[in-house]
Amino acid sequence: MTKETINMLAGIPTLDIRSFESGSNADRQLFVEQLGYAYETIGFVAIHGHGIPALLIDQLYKQSQSFFELPQELKKQYARPETNNQRGFVSMGVEHAKGSDAADLKEFWQVGQPDPPADGDPVHFPANKKVDELPLFQDTAVAAFRALEKLGQTVLQAIAIHLEVESDYFKNPVSGGNSILRAIHYPPILSEPSSAVRAGQHEDINLITLLVGASTAGLEVLRHDQTWIPVTALPEHIVVNVGDMLQRLTNHRLKSTTHRVVNPPKSEWANPRFSMPFFCHPRPDMKLDAMPHLLEEGESPVEGPITAGDYLEQRLKEIGLA
């Protein structure tokens, strides 16, 4: 398998998930091989053919934009710091990349699991809250959450096959898992910024991230040769990348790749930027210990054992949310 055999339309490997969901055995196997190759080399793919309605995505963007246009003091009433900022509104200046003191130039709204497990505790699964001024916002976000969660489970099924474990390996941990849908607003740049980036370089915490096409360019991925490449996914594509939890679980066989959001050219400073990542998390009690069969005889895991819940709490502290 080489990069020449994979469609690179988006600047990263581009795959049609219909070949896995409804293709022949040969189609499914090729999809698994190409996905696995992409995740072992660059950690990012663009997925199309996913069937998530464009109308649903458009509605989510419109509702999100309406929320962020509300007065700042009103938005702050929907802040939920008691949830480690995992629900509701998070204002500018709160989150920063791990290891950086510079706050990201963004504000965001977070929606958590609408279908928590029966034994899910309110610490890990706090309730979502509707925005009184926008009665359709939460319902639209929940519909998008469920659609993206389903797509994420399909991608994880293909990943499981690539890793040579049961195809439903991730099904129980991720069904009703501690996932997050985040609507992000990068406001217009009004003066010379102190940094060239809107969101500092970082890796995601979770198993996989599904990113619905952003309203403008800006996302860049750090290749292994230490060069930054722009990700220019088409509107019907969803970018899916490996997170740190999956990297730990696979003993770094699958790569959680560094990425960032850069500032636009000065001529576009007046334009806001919106994006919608879905962070696919397992249940908090899932162990992230390296899969034994991925260790060579006598080899030690790259990272020590930890549960998903403990790892999430650790990382949230590192980026200023907890």
Protein backbone atom coordinates (compact mmCIF):
# COMPACT_ATOMS: atom_id res chain seq x y z
CA MET A 1 0.00 0.00 0.00
CA THR A 2 1.43 3.38 -1.00
CA LYS A 3 0.05 6.90 -1.05
CA GLU A 4 -0.15 6.67 -4.85
CA THR A 5 -2.99 4.14 -4.52
CA ILE A 6 -5.13 6.50 -2.38
CA ASN A 7 -7.15 9.50 -3.55
CA MET A 8 -5.50 12.62 -2.05
CA LEU A 9 -8.14 15.12 -3.24
CA ALA A 10 -8.38 16.91 0.11
CA GLY A 11 -4.62 17.06 0.72
CA ILE A 12 -5.06 13.99 2.91
CA PRO A 13 -6.26 10.48 1.95
CA THR A 14 -9.88 10.62 0.75
CA LEU A 15 -12.09 7.52 1.10
CA ASP A 16 -15.69 6.66 0.18
CA ILE A 17 -17.21 4.90 3.19
CA ARG A 18 -19.92 3.34 1.02
CA SER A 19 -17.31 0.87 -0.20
CA PHE A 20 -17.07 -0.39 3.40
CA GLU A 21 -20.75 -0.20 4.29
CA SER A 22 -22.26 -1.73 1.14
CA GLY A 23 -19.41 -2.75 -1.15
CA SER A 24 -18.14 -6.21 -2.03
CA ASN A 25 -15.76 -8.11 0.24
CA ALA A 26 -12.90 -6.84 -1.92
CA ASP A 27 -14.19 -3.26 -1.60
CA ARG A 28 -14.42 -3.58 2.19
CA GLN A 29 -10.94 -5.05 2.45
CA LEU A 30 -9.45 -2.29 0.29
CA PHE A 31 -11.17 0.38 2.41
CA VAL A 32 -9.76 -1.19 5.60
CA GLU A 33 -6.26 -1.38 4.11
CA GLN A 34 -6.33 2.22 2.88
CA LEU A 35 -7.77 3.53 6.15
CA GLY A 36 -5.17 1.61 8.15
CA TYR A 37 -2.33 2.88 5.95
CA ALA A 38 -3.55 6.46 6.31
CA TYR A 39 -3.84 6.21 10.08
CA GLU A 40 -0.41 4.62 10.42
CA THR A 41 1.24 7.34 8.36
CA ILE A 42 -0.57 10.70 8.58
CA GLY A 43 -3.43 10.05 11.04
CA PHE A 44 -6.04 11.92 8.96
CA VAL A 45 -8.55 10.94 6.25
CA ALA A 46 -11.46 12.70 4.54
CA ILE A 47 -14.62 10.57 4.36
CA HIS A 48 -17.39 11.06 1.81
CA GLY A 49 -20.50 9.06 0.98
CA HIS A 50 -21.43 9.14 4.68
CA GLY A 51 -25.11 9.98 4.14
CA ILE A 52 -25.38 12.69 6.81
CA PRO A 53 -27.87 15.16 5.30
CA ALA A 54 -26.37 18.45 4.12
CA LEU A 55 -29.54 20.14 5.39
CA LEU A 56 -28.82 18.95 8.94
CA ILE A 57 -25.28 20.33 8.79
CA ASP A 58 -26.52 23.63 7.32
CA GLN A 59 -29.11 23.95 10.09
CA LEU A 60 -26.47 23.29 12.73
CA TYR A 61 -24.21 26.00 11.30
CA LYS A 62 -27.08 28.49 11.13
CA GLN A 63 -28.25 27.76 14.68
CA SER A 64 -24.68 27.96 15.97
CA GLN A 65 -24.08 31.28 14.26
CA SER A 66 -27.30 32.64 15.77
CA PHE A 67 -26.12 31.56 19.22
CA PHE A 68 -22.71 33.19 18.90
CA GLU A 69 -24.37 36.43 17.75
CA LEU A 70 -26.15 36.71 21.13
CA PRO A 71 -24.79 39.29 23.60
CA GLN A 72 -21.71 38.06 25.46
CA GLU A 73 -23.29 38.46 28.90
CA LEU A 74 -26.26 36.37 27.78
CA LYS A 75 -24.01 33.62 26.40
CA LYS A 76 -22.07 33.54 29.68
CA GLN A 77 -25.28 32.60 31.48
CA TYR A 78 -25.00 29.26 29.68
CA ALA A 79 -21.47 28.53 30.93
CA ARG A 80 -21.17 25.23 32.83
CA PRO A 81 -17.77 25.28 34.61
CA GLU A 82 -19.04 22.68 37.10
CA THR A 83 -18.98 20.13 34.23
CA ASN A 84 -15.27 20.82 33.53
CA ASN A 85 -16.66 22.95 30.69
CA GLN A 86 -17.88 19.81 28.92
CA ARG A 87 -21.37 21.24 28.46
CA GLY A 88 -22.71 24.61 27.40
CA PHE A 89 -20.79 27.78 26.56
CA VAL A 90 -17.03 28.28 26.90
CA SER A 91 -15.83 31.83 26.32
CA MET A 92 -12.70 33.21 24.68
CA GLY A 93 -9.49 32.89 26.69
CA VAL A 94 -10.34 29.66 28.51
CA GLU A 95 -8.89 26.83 26.41
CA HIS A 96 -5.28 26.62 25.28
CA ALA A 97 -3.13 23.97 23.66
CA LYS A 98 -1.28 21.57 25.97
CA GLY A 99 2.05 23.08 26.98
CA SER A 100 1.08 26.58 25.84
CA ASP A 101 0.03 29.61 27.87
CA ALA A 102 -1.50 31.37 24.84
CA ALA A 103 -5.28 31.05 24.80
CA ASP A 104 -6.92 29.96 21.57
CA LEU A 105 -8.85 32.69 19.73
CA LYS A 106 -12.21 30.93 19.92
CA GLU A 107 -15.40 30.45 21.89
CA PHE A 108 -17.54 27.36 21.70
CA TRP A 109 -20.70 25.48 22.65
CA GLN A 110 -20.53 21.84 23.79
CA VAL A 111 -23.20 19.14 23.64
CA GLY A 112 -22.65 15.83 25.38
CA GLN A 113 -24.12 12.36 25.15
CA PRO A 114 -27.93 12.61 24.80
CA ASP A 115 -28.31 8.85 25.38
CA PRO A 116 -26.10 8.10 28.41
CA PRO A 117 -25.84 4.52 29.68
CA ALA A 118 -28.27 3.50 32.42
CA ASP A 119 -25.38 3.29 34.89
CA GLY A 120 -23.78 6.53 33.73
CA ASP A 121 -23.05 8.87 36.63
CA PRO A 122 -23.84 12.60 36.38
CA VAL A 123 -20.18 13.50 36.93
CA HIS A 124 -19.20 11.98 33.58
CA PHE A 125 -22.60 12.45 31.93
CA PRO A 126 -24.04 15.81 33.01
CA ALA A 127 -27.30 16.76 31.34
CA ASN A 128 -27.38 19.00 28.30
CA LYS A 129 -29.22 22.30 28.52
CA LYS A 130 -31.36 24.07 25.95
CA VAL A 131 -30.81 27.68 24.93
CA ASP A 132 -34.07 29.48 25.73
CA GLU A 133 -33.52 32.07 22.99
CA LEU A 134 -32.97 29.39 20.30
CA PRO A 135 -35.39 26.51 20.88
CA LEU A 136 -34.19 24.57 17.79
CA PHE A 137 -30.46 24.79 18.57
CA GLN A 138 -30.23 21.89 21.01
CA ASP A 139 -32.52 19.59 19.01
CA THR A 140 -30.46 20.23 15.87
CA ALA A 141 -27.21 19.62 17.74
CA VAL A 142 -28.51 16.35 19.23
CA ALA A 143 -29.61 15.12 15.80
CA ALA A 144 -26.13 15.90 14.44
CA PHE A 145 -24.54 14.25 17.50
CA ARG A 146 -26.38 10.99 16.86
CA ALA A 147 -25.56 11.01 13.13
CA LEU A 148 -21.86 11.64 13.76
CA GLU A 149 -21.74 9.05 16.55
CA LYS A 150 -23.14 6.45 14.14
CA LEU A 151 -20.57 7.35 11.48
CA GLY A 152 -17.82 7.22 14.08
CA GLN A 153 -18.85 3.71 15.08
CA THR A 154 -18.62 2.62 11.42
CA VAL A 155 -15.11 4.06 11.09
CA LEU A 156 -14.10 2.36 14.34
CA GLN A 157 -15.44 -0.93 13.02
CA ALA A 158 -13.08 -0.65 10.05
CA ILE A 159 -10.24 0.31 12.40
CA ALA A 160 -10.93 -2.78 14.53
CA ILE A 161 -10.70 -5.02 11.46
CA HIS A 162 -7.40 -3.37 10.51
CA LEU A 163 -6.10 -4.02 14.04
CA GLU A 164 -7.16 -7.68 13.73
CA VAL A 165 -9.59 -7.67 16.63
CA GLU A 166 -13.33 -8.33 16.61
CA SER A 167 -15.15 -5.90 14.31
CA ASP A 168 -17.39 -4.82 17.22
CA TYR A 169 -14.43 -4.23 19.56
CA PHE A 170 -15.35 -0.56 20.03
CA LYS A 171 -19.14 -0.97 19.88
CA ASN A 172 -19.94 -1.32 23.60
CA PRO A 173 -17.36 1.21 24.87
CA VAL A 174 -18.47 3.87 22.36
CA SER A 175 -22.25 3.30 22.41
CA GLY A 176 -23.41 5.81 24.97
CA GLY A 177 -19.81 6.94 25.40
CA ASN A 178 -18.63 10.27 26.74
CA SER A 179 -18.48 11.94 23.31
CA ILE A 180 -18.74 15.68 22.69
CA LEU A 181 -20.08 17.75 19.79
CA ARG A 182 -18.44 21.17 19.78
CA ALA A 183 -19.63 24.18 17.78
CA ILE A 184 -16.65 26.56 17.51
CA HIS A 185 -16.67 30.25 16.63
CA TYR A 186 -13.44 32.05 15.75
CA PRO A 187 -14.45 35.75 15.81
CA PRO A 188 -13.20 38.27 13.25
CA ILE A 189 -9.65 39.52 13.86
CA LEU A 190 -9.93 43.20 14.75
CA SER A 191 -6.26 44.08 15.32
CA GLU A 192 -2.80 42.71 14.62
CA PRO A 193 -2.78 39.30 16.37
CA SER A 194 0.07 38.33 18.67
CA SER A 195 0.25 34.90 17.04
CA ALA A 196 -0.16 33.44 13.56
CA VAL A 197 -2.64 30.84 14.80
CA ARG A 198 -6.24 30.86 15.98
CA ALA A 199 -5.87 27.46 17.68
CA GLY A 200 -2.40 26.35 18.76
CA GLN A 201 -0.85 23.13 17.53
CA HIS A 202 -2.22 20.17 19.43
CA GLU A 203 -3.37 16.57 19.29
CA ASP A 204 -6.93 15.52 20.13
CA ILE A 205 -7.66 13.67 23.36
CA ASN A 206 -10.26 11.13 22.22
CA LEU A 207 -10.41 7.96 20.09
CA ILE A 208 -11.26 9.67 16.79
CA THR A 209 -12.47 13.14 15.81
CA LEU A 210 -15.03 13.75 13.06
CA LEU A 211 -14.79 17.29 11.70
CA VAL A 212 -17.65 18.62 9.64
CA GLY A 213 -16.25 20.93 6.92
CA ALA A 214 -15.34 24.31 8.39
CA SER A 215 -16.83 27.52 7.01
CA THR A 216 -13.40 28.75 5.85
CA ALA A 217 -9.89 27.36 5.39
CA GLY A 218 -7.34 27.34 8.19
CA LEU A 219 -6.82 23.74 9.35
CA GLU A 220 -3.26 22.50 8.88
CA VAL A 221 -1.75 19.08 9.62
CA LEU A 222 1.90 18.44 10.54
CA ARG A 223 3.36 15.70 8.35
CA HIS A 224 6.10 13.41 9.63
CA ASP A 225 8.66 15.37 7.60
CA GLN A 226 7.73 18.35 9.83
CA THR A 227 5.99 20.33 7.08
CA TRP A 228 2.51 21.78 7.54
CA ILE A 229 -0.09 20.94 4.89
CA PRO A 230 -3.50 22.64 4.57
CA VAL A 231 -6.55 20.37 4.72
CA THR A 232 -8.97 21.54 2.07
CA ALA A 233 -11.80 19.04 2.46
CA LEU A 234 -14.82 19.60 0.24
CA PRO A 235 -18.18 20.52 1.85
CA GLU A 236 -19.53 16.97 1.55
CA HIS A 237 -16.44 15.51 3.26
CA ILE A 238 -15.97 14.81 6.95
CA VAL A 239 -12.37 14.77 8.14
CA VAL A 240 -11.70 11.92 10.58
CA ASN A 241 -8.46 11.82 12.56
CA VAL A 242 -6.90 9.64 15.23
CA GLY A 243 -6.85 10.95 18.80
CA ASP A 244 -4.45 10.28 21.67
CA MET A 245 -6.66 7.61 23.25
CA LEU A 246 -6.53 5.47 20.11
CA GLN A 247 -2.81 6.12 19.76
CA ARG A 248 -2.27 4.86 23.33
CA LEU A 249 -4.51 1.85 22.77
CA THR A 250 -2.55 0.83 19.64
CA ASN A 251 0.86 1.48 21.23
CA HIS A 252 1.37 4.36 18.78
CA ARG A 253 0.79 2.18 15.71
CA LEU A 254 -2.01 4.58 14.73
CA LYS A 255 -0.87 8.21 14.78
CA SER A 256 -2.48 11.09 16.66
CA THR A 257 -1.16 13.82 14.42
CA THR A 258 -0.42 17.41 15.44
CA HIS A 259 -2.69 20.00 13.81
CA ARG A 260 -3.57 23.68 14.20
CA VAL A 261 -5.84 26.44 12.86
CA VAL A 262 -3.95 29.36 11.31
CA ASN A 263 -5.06 32.94 10.81
CA PRO A 264 -6.42 33.86 7.38
CA PRO A 265 -4.80 36.44 5.08
CA LYS A 266 -5.27 40.01 6.33
CA SER A 267 -7.86 40.64 3.60
CA GLU A 268 -10.09 38.03 5.33
CA TRP A 269 -9.61 39.10 8.96
CA ALA A 270 -13.15 40.51 9.05
CA ASN A 271 -14.65 37.07 8.39
CA PRO A 272 -15.55 34.80 11.32
CA ARG A 273 -14.76 31.08 11.13
CA PHE A 274 -17.01 28.25 12.32
CA SER A 275 -16.23 24.55 12.65
CA MET A 276 -17.99 21.52 14.14
CA PRO A 277 -15.75 18.75 15.53
CA PHE A 278 -17.29 15.64 17.07
CA PHE A 279 -14.93 14.12 19.64
CA CYS A 280 -15.68 10.41 19.86
CA HIS A 281 -14.96 9.18 23.38
CA PRO A 282 -15.53 5.77 24.96
CA ARG A 283 -17.16 5.20 28.31
CA PRO A 284 -14.99 6.43 31.20
CA ASP A 285 -14.18 2.92 32.46
CA MET A 286 -12.61 1.74 29.18
CA LYS A 287 -8.95 0.82 29.69
CA LEU A 288 -6.48 2.47 27.33
CA ASP A 289 -3.72 -0.08 27.98
CA ALA A 290 -1.79 -0.97 24.81
CA MET A 291 -3.35 -3.95 23.01
CA PRO A 292 -1.14 -6.95 23.93
CA HIS A 293 -1.09 -8.37 20.40
CA LEU A 294 0.41 -5.14 19.07
CA LEU A 295 3.47 -5.51 21.30
CA GLU A 296 6.51 -7.37 20.02
CA GLU A 297 7.83 -10.10 22.32
CA GLY A 298 9.64 -8.43 25.20
CA GLU A 299 8.48 -4.96 24.14
CA SER A 300 7.13 -2.56 26.76
CA PRO A 301 4.16 -0.28 26.05
CA VAL A 302 5.05 3.27 25.02
CA GLU A 303 2.63 4.61 27.65
CA GLY A 304 1.35 3.19 30.92
CA PRO A 305 -2.16 1.92 31.74
CA ILE A 306 -4.97 4.37 32.43
CA THR A 307 -8.74 4.52 32.05
CA ALA A 308 -10.43 6.82 29.54
CA GLY A 309 -12.10 8.77 32.34
CA ASP A 310 -8.87 9.42 34.23
CA TYR A 311 -7.03 10.31 31.04
CA LEU A 312 -9.74 12.76 29.99
CA GLU A 313 -9.66 14.50 33.37
CA GLN A 314 -5.86 14.75 33.20
CA ARG A 315 -5.91 16.28 29.74
CA LEU A 316 -8.76 18.70 30.51
CA LYS A 317 -6.62 20.14 33.30
CA GLU A 318 -3.68 20.49 30.91
CA ILE A 319 -5.69 22.57 28.41
CA GLY A 320 -7.42 24.79 30.99
CA LEU A 321 -10.96 23.39 30.88
CA ALA A 322 -10.92 21.58 34.25
